[in-house]
């Protein structure tokens, strides 16, 4: 799931949830919710996360094939605009 990969990227980048929240203008609780699958970050927040982690959005999901598939399914049906990738 997306939650495992988001948490892994954050930990690997040596950030706390609080620090990522500050960088995004989000609460620590929001970051917690994303990492635990309670909520899913929108495409704008995914872009910001990718920048923070110095990664491409697609690479954030490589550790979890189902999350990558979910992301591309959203892309395919128009939830995520092509110019945002």
N, C-alpha and C. Protein backbone atom coordinates (compact mmCIF):
# COMPACT_ATOMS: atom_id res chain seq x y z
N UNK A 1 0.84 -1.20 0.00
CA UNK A 1 0.00 0.00 0.00
C UNK A 1 0.87 1.25 0.00
N UNK A 2 0.25 2.34 -0.36
CA UNK A 2 0.94 3.63 -0.40
C UNK A 2 1.53 3.99 0.96
N UNK A 3 0.83 3.59 2.03
CA UNK A 3 1.27 4.00 3.36
C UNK A 3 2.66 3.48 3.70
N UNK A 4 2.97 2.26 3.32
CA UNK A 4 4.28 1.70 3.64
C UNK A 4 5.39 2.42 2.90
N UNK A 5 5.15 2.77 1.66
CA UNK A 5 6.19 3.42 0.89
C UNK A 5 6.40 4.85 1.35
N UNK A 6 5.34 5.57 1.68
CA UNK A 6 5.51 6.95 2.16
C UNK A 6 6.31 6.98 3.46
N UNK A 7 6.00 6.10 4.35
CA UNK A 7 6.73 6.06 5.62
C UNK A 7 8.19 5.69 5.39
N UNK A 8 8.43 4.72 4.52
CA UNK A 8 9.80 4.30 4.23
C UNK A 8 10.62 5.43 3.63
N UNK A 9 10.04 6.17 2.69
CA UNK A 9 10.76 7.29 2.09
C UNK A 9 11.06 8.36 3.13
N UNK A 10 10.11 8.62 4.01
CA UNK A 10 10.32 9.64 5.04
C UNK A 10 11.45 9.24 5.97
N UNK A 11 11.41 8.01 6.43
CA UNK A 11 12.43 7.52 7.35
C UNK A 11 13.79 7.51 6.67
N UNK A 12 13.83 7.05 5.42
CA UNK A 12 15.08 6.99 4.68
C UNK A 12 15.68 8.38 4.47
N UNK A 13 14.82 9.40 4.37
CA UNK A 13 15.29 10.78 4.21
C UNK A 13 15.60 11.45 5.54
N UNK A 14 15.46 10.71 6.63
CA UNK A 14 15.75 11.21 7.98
C UNK A 14 14.87 12.39 8.39
N UNK A 15 13.59 12.30 8.05
CA UNK A 15 12.62 13.30 8.47
C UNK A 15 11.67 12.70 9.49
N UNK A 16 11.20 13.54 10.38
CA UNK A 16 10.10 13.15 11.26
C UNK A 16 8.80 13.53 10.56
N UNK A 17 7.70 13.00 11.04
CA UNK A 17 6.40 13.42 10.50
C UNK A 17 6.20 14.91 10.70
N UNK A 18 6.63 15.41 11.83
CA UNK A 18 6.50 16.84 12.13
C UNK A 18 7.24 17.68 11.09
N UNK A 19 8.47 17.28 10.76
CA UNK A 19 9.28 18.03 9.80
C UNK A 19 8.66 18.02 8.40
N UNK A 20 8.17 16.87 7.97
CA UNK A 20 7.51 16.79 6.66
C UNK A 20 6.25 17.66 6.66
N UNK A 21 5.52 17.62 7.76
CA UNK A 21 4.33 18.46 7.88
C UNK A 21 4.66 19.94 7.75
N UNK A 22 5.74 20.36 8.39
CA UNK A 22 6.17 21.76 8.30
C UNK A 22 6.50 22.14 6.86
N UNK A 23 7.22 21.27 6.17
CA UNK A 23 7.61 21.55 4.79
C UNK A 23 6.40 21.63 3.86
N UNK A 24 5.36 20.87 4.18
CA UNK A 24 4.17 20.84 3.33
C UNK A 24 3.07 21.78 3.80
N UNK A 25 3.24 22.36 4.98
CA UNK A 25 2.16 23.17 5.53
C UNK A 25 0.98 22.31 5.99
N UNK A 26 1.30 21.09 6.42
CA UNK A 26 0.29 20.14 6.90
C UNK A 26 0.61 19.77 8.34
N UNK A 27 -0.37 19.22 9.01
CA UNK A 27 -0.15 18.80 10.39
C UNK A 27 0.55 17.44 10.42
N UNK A 28 1.17 17.18 11.55
CA UNK A 28 1.79 15.87 11.77
C UNK A 28 0.73 14.77 11.66
N UNK A 29 -0.47 15.07 12.09
CA UNK A 29 -1.58 14.10 12.02
C UNK A 29 -1.91 13.76 10.57
N UNK A 30 -1.85 14.76 9.68
CA UNK A 30 -2.12 14.50 8.26
C UNK A 30 -1.07 13.55 7.69
N UNK A 31 0.19 13.79 8.02
CA UNK A 31 1.26 12.91 7.54
C UNK A 31 1.06 11.50 8.09
N UNK A 32 0.70 11.42 9.36
CA UNK A 32 0.39 10.12 9.98
C UNK A 32 -0.75 9.43 9.22
N UNK A 33 -1.80 10.18 8.91
CA UNK A 33 -2.94 9.61 8.19
C UNK A 33 -2.55 9.09 6.82
N UNK A 34 -1.69 9.82 6.11
CA UNK A 34 -1.22 9.36 4.80
C UNK A 34 -0.41 8.08 4.96
N UNK A 35 0.46 8.05 5.93
CA UNK A 35 1.33 6.89 6.11
C UNK A 35 0.59 5.66 6.62
N UNK A 36 -0.57 5.84 7.18
CA UNK A 36 -1.34 4.72 7.72
C UNK A 36 -2.57 4.41 6.89
N UNK A 37 -2.65 5.00 5.69
CA UNK A 37 -3.73 4.68 4.77
C UNK A 37 -5.09 5.20 5.16
N UNK A 38 -5.15 6.12 6.11
CA UNK A 38 -6.42 6.71 6.53
C UNK A 38 -6.88 7.74 5.50
N UNK A 39 -5.92 8.47 4.96
CA UNK A 39 -6.16 9.43 3.89
C UNK A 39 -5.08 9.21 2.84
N UNK A 40 -5.34 9.72 1.63
CA UNK A 40 -4.36 9.63 0.55
C UNK A 40 -4.02 11.04 0.11
N UNK A 41 -2.73 11.36 -0.02
CA UNK A 41 -2.37 12.71 -0.48
C UNK A 41 -2.81 12.93 -1.92
N UNK A 42 -3.25 14.17 -2.21
CA UNK A 42 -3.65 14.47 -3.58
C UNK A 42 -2.42 14.64 -4.46
N UNK A 43 -2.63 14.87 -5.75
CA UNK A 43 -1.50 14.92 -6.68
C UNK A 43 -0.54 16.06 -6.36
N UNK A 44 -1.05 17.18 -5.90
CA UNK A 44 -0.20 18.31 -5.54
C UNK A 44 0.72 17.95 -4.37
N UNK A 45 0.15 17.30 -3.37
CA UNK A 45 0.95 16.89 -2.21
C UNK A 45 1.93 15.78 -2.56
N UNK A 46 1.55 14.89 -3.48
CA UNK A 46 2.48 13.85 -3.93
C UNK A 46 3.67 14.48 -4.63
N UNK A 47 3.43 15.51 -5.43
CA UNK A 47 4.53 16.20 -6.10
C UNK A 47 5.48 16.83 -5.07
N UNK A 48 4.90 17.44 -4.05
CA UNK A 48 5.72 18.06 -3.00
C UNK A 48 6.52 17.01 -2.23
N UNK A 49 5.88 15.88 -1.94
CA UNK A 49 6.59 14.80 -1.24
C UNK A 49 7.76 14.30 -2.09
N UNK A 50 7.53 14.14 -3.39
CA UNK A 50 8.59 13.68 -4.27
C UNK A 50 9.76 14.66 -4.26
N UNK A 51 9.47 15.95 -4.24
CA UNK A 51 10.55 16.94 -4.18
C UNK A 51 11.30 16.86 -2.86
N UNK A 52 10.58 16.73 -1.77
CA UNK A 52 11.21 16.63 -0.45
C UNK A 52 12.14 15.42 -0.39
N UNK A 53 11.68 14.29 -0.97
CA UNK A 53 12.44 13.05 -0.93
C UNK A 53 13.41 12.92 -2.11
N UNK A 54 13.48 13.94 -2.95
CA UNK A 54 14.37 13.93 -4.13
C UNK A 54 14.11 12.70 -4.98
N UNK A 55 12.85 12.50 -5.32
CA UNK A 55 12.46 11.32 -6.09
C UNK A 55 11.37 11.69 -7.09
N UNK A 56 11.15 10.82 -8.03
CA UNK A 56 10.00 10.96 -8.93
C UNK A 56 8.81 10.29 -8.23
N UNK A 57 7.63 10.78 -8.53
CA UNK A 57 6.43 10.20 -7.91
C UNK A 57 6.39 8.70 -8.17
N UNK A 58 6.69 8.29 -9.40
CA UNK A 58 6.64 6.86 -9.74
C UNK A 58 7.58 6.04 -8.86
N UNK A 59 8.75 6.61 -8.56
CA UNK A 59 9.74 5.87 -7.76
C UNK A 59 9.30 5.70 -6.32
N UNK A 60 8.52 6.60 -5.82
CA UNK A 60 8.02 6.47 -4.44
C UNK A 60 7.21 5.19 -4.29
N UNK A 61 6.55 4.79 -5.37
CA UNK A 61 5.68 3.62 -5.32
C UNK A 61 6.34 2.32 -5.76
N UNK A 62 7.59 2.36 -6.19
CA UNK A 62 8.22 1.15 -6.72
C UNK A 62 8.32 0.03 -5.69
N UNK A 63 8.41 0.36 -4.43
CA UNK A 63 8.48 -0.66 -3.40
C UNK A 63 7.17 -1.37 -3.17
N UNK A 64 6.11 -0.83 -3.74
CA UNK A 64 4.78 -1.40 -3.55
C UNK A 64 4.07 -1.41 -4.89
N UNK A 65 4.08 -2.55 -5.54
CA UNK A 65 3.49 -2.65 -6.87
C UNK A 65 2.00 -2.31 -6.88
N UNK A 66 1.27 -2.62 -5.83
CA UNK A 66 -0.16 -2.31 -5.81
C UNK A 66 -0.38 -0.81 -5.72
N UNK A 67 0.46 -0.10 -4.98
CA UNK A 67 0.33 1.36 -4.90
C UNK A 67 0.66 1.99 -6.23
N UNK A 68 1.69 1.47 -6.90
CA UNK A 68 2.04 1.99 -8.22
C UNK A 68 0.89 1.75 -9.19
N UNK A 69 0.30 0.57 -9.13
CA UNK A 69 -0.83 0.26 -9.98
C UNK A 69 -2.01 1.18 -9.69
N UNK A 70 -2.29 1.41 -8.41
CA UNK A 70 -3.38 2.32 -8.03
C UNK A 70 -3.12 3.72 -8.56
N UNK A 71 -1.87 4.18 -8.47
CA UNK A 71 -1.52 5.51 -8.94
C UNK A 71 -1.77 5.62 -10.44
N UNK A 72 -1.32 4.62 -11.20
CA UNK A 72 -1.51 4.69 -12.64
C UNK A 72 -2.96 4.49 -13.05
N UNK A 73 -3.72 3.74 -12.28
CA UNK A 73 -5.15 3.64 -12.56
C UNK A 73 -5.81 5.00 -12.39
N UNK A 74 -5.43 5.75 -11.36
CA UNK A 74 -5.96 7.10 -11.18
C UNK A 74 -5.54 7.98 -12.34
N UNK A 75 -4.30 7.83 -12.79
CA UNK A 75 -3.79 8.61 -13.91
C UNK A 75 -4.59 8.28 -15.17
N UNK A 76 -4.80 7.00 -15.40
CA UNK A 76 -5.48 6.52 -16.60
C UNK A 76 -6.91 7.03 -16.68
N UNK A 77 -7.62 7.07 -15.55
CA UNK A 77 -9.02 7.50 -15.59
C UNK A 77 -9.19 8.99 -15.33
N UNK A 78 -8.07 9.71 -15.24
CA UNK A 78 -8.15 11.16 -15.23
C UNK A 78 -8.12 11.85 -13.89
N UNK A 79 -7.87 11.12 -12.81
CA UNK A 79 -7.78 11.78 -11.51
C UNK A 79 -6.51 12.62 -11.39
N UNK A 80 -5.48 12.19 -12.11
CA UNK A 80 -4.21 12.89 -12.06
C UNK A 80 -3.89 13.34 -13.48
N UNK A 81 -3.69 14.61 -13.67
CA UNK A 81 -3.43 15.16 -15.00
C UNK A 81 -2.03 14.78 -15.47
N UNK A 82 -1.92 14.54 -16.78
CA UNK A 82 -0.66 14.11 -17.37
C UNK A 82 0.45 15.14 -17.15
N UNK A 83 0.13 16.43 -17.18
CA UNK A 83 1.16 17.44 -17.02
C UNK A 83 1.67 17.54 -15.59
N UNK A 84 1.07 16.82 -14.67
CA UNK A 84 1.49 16.84 -13.28
C UNK A 84 2.53 15.76 -12.99
N UNK A 85 2.72 14.83 -13.91
CA UNK A 85 3.63 13.70 -13.66
C UNK A 85 5.04 14.08 -14.07
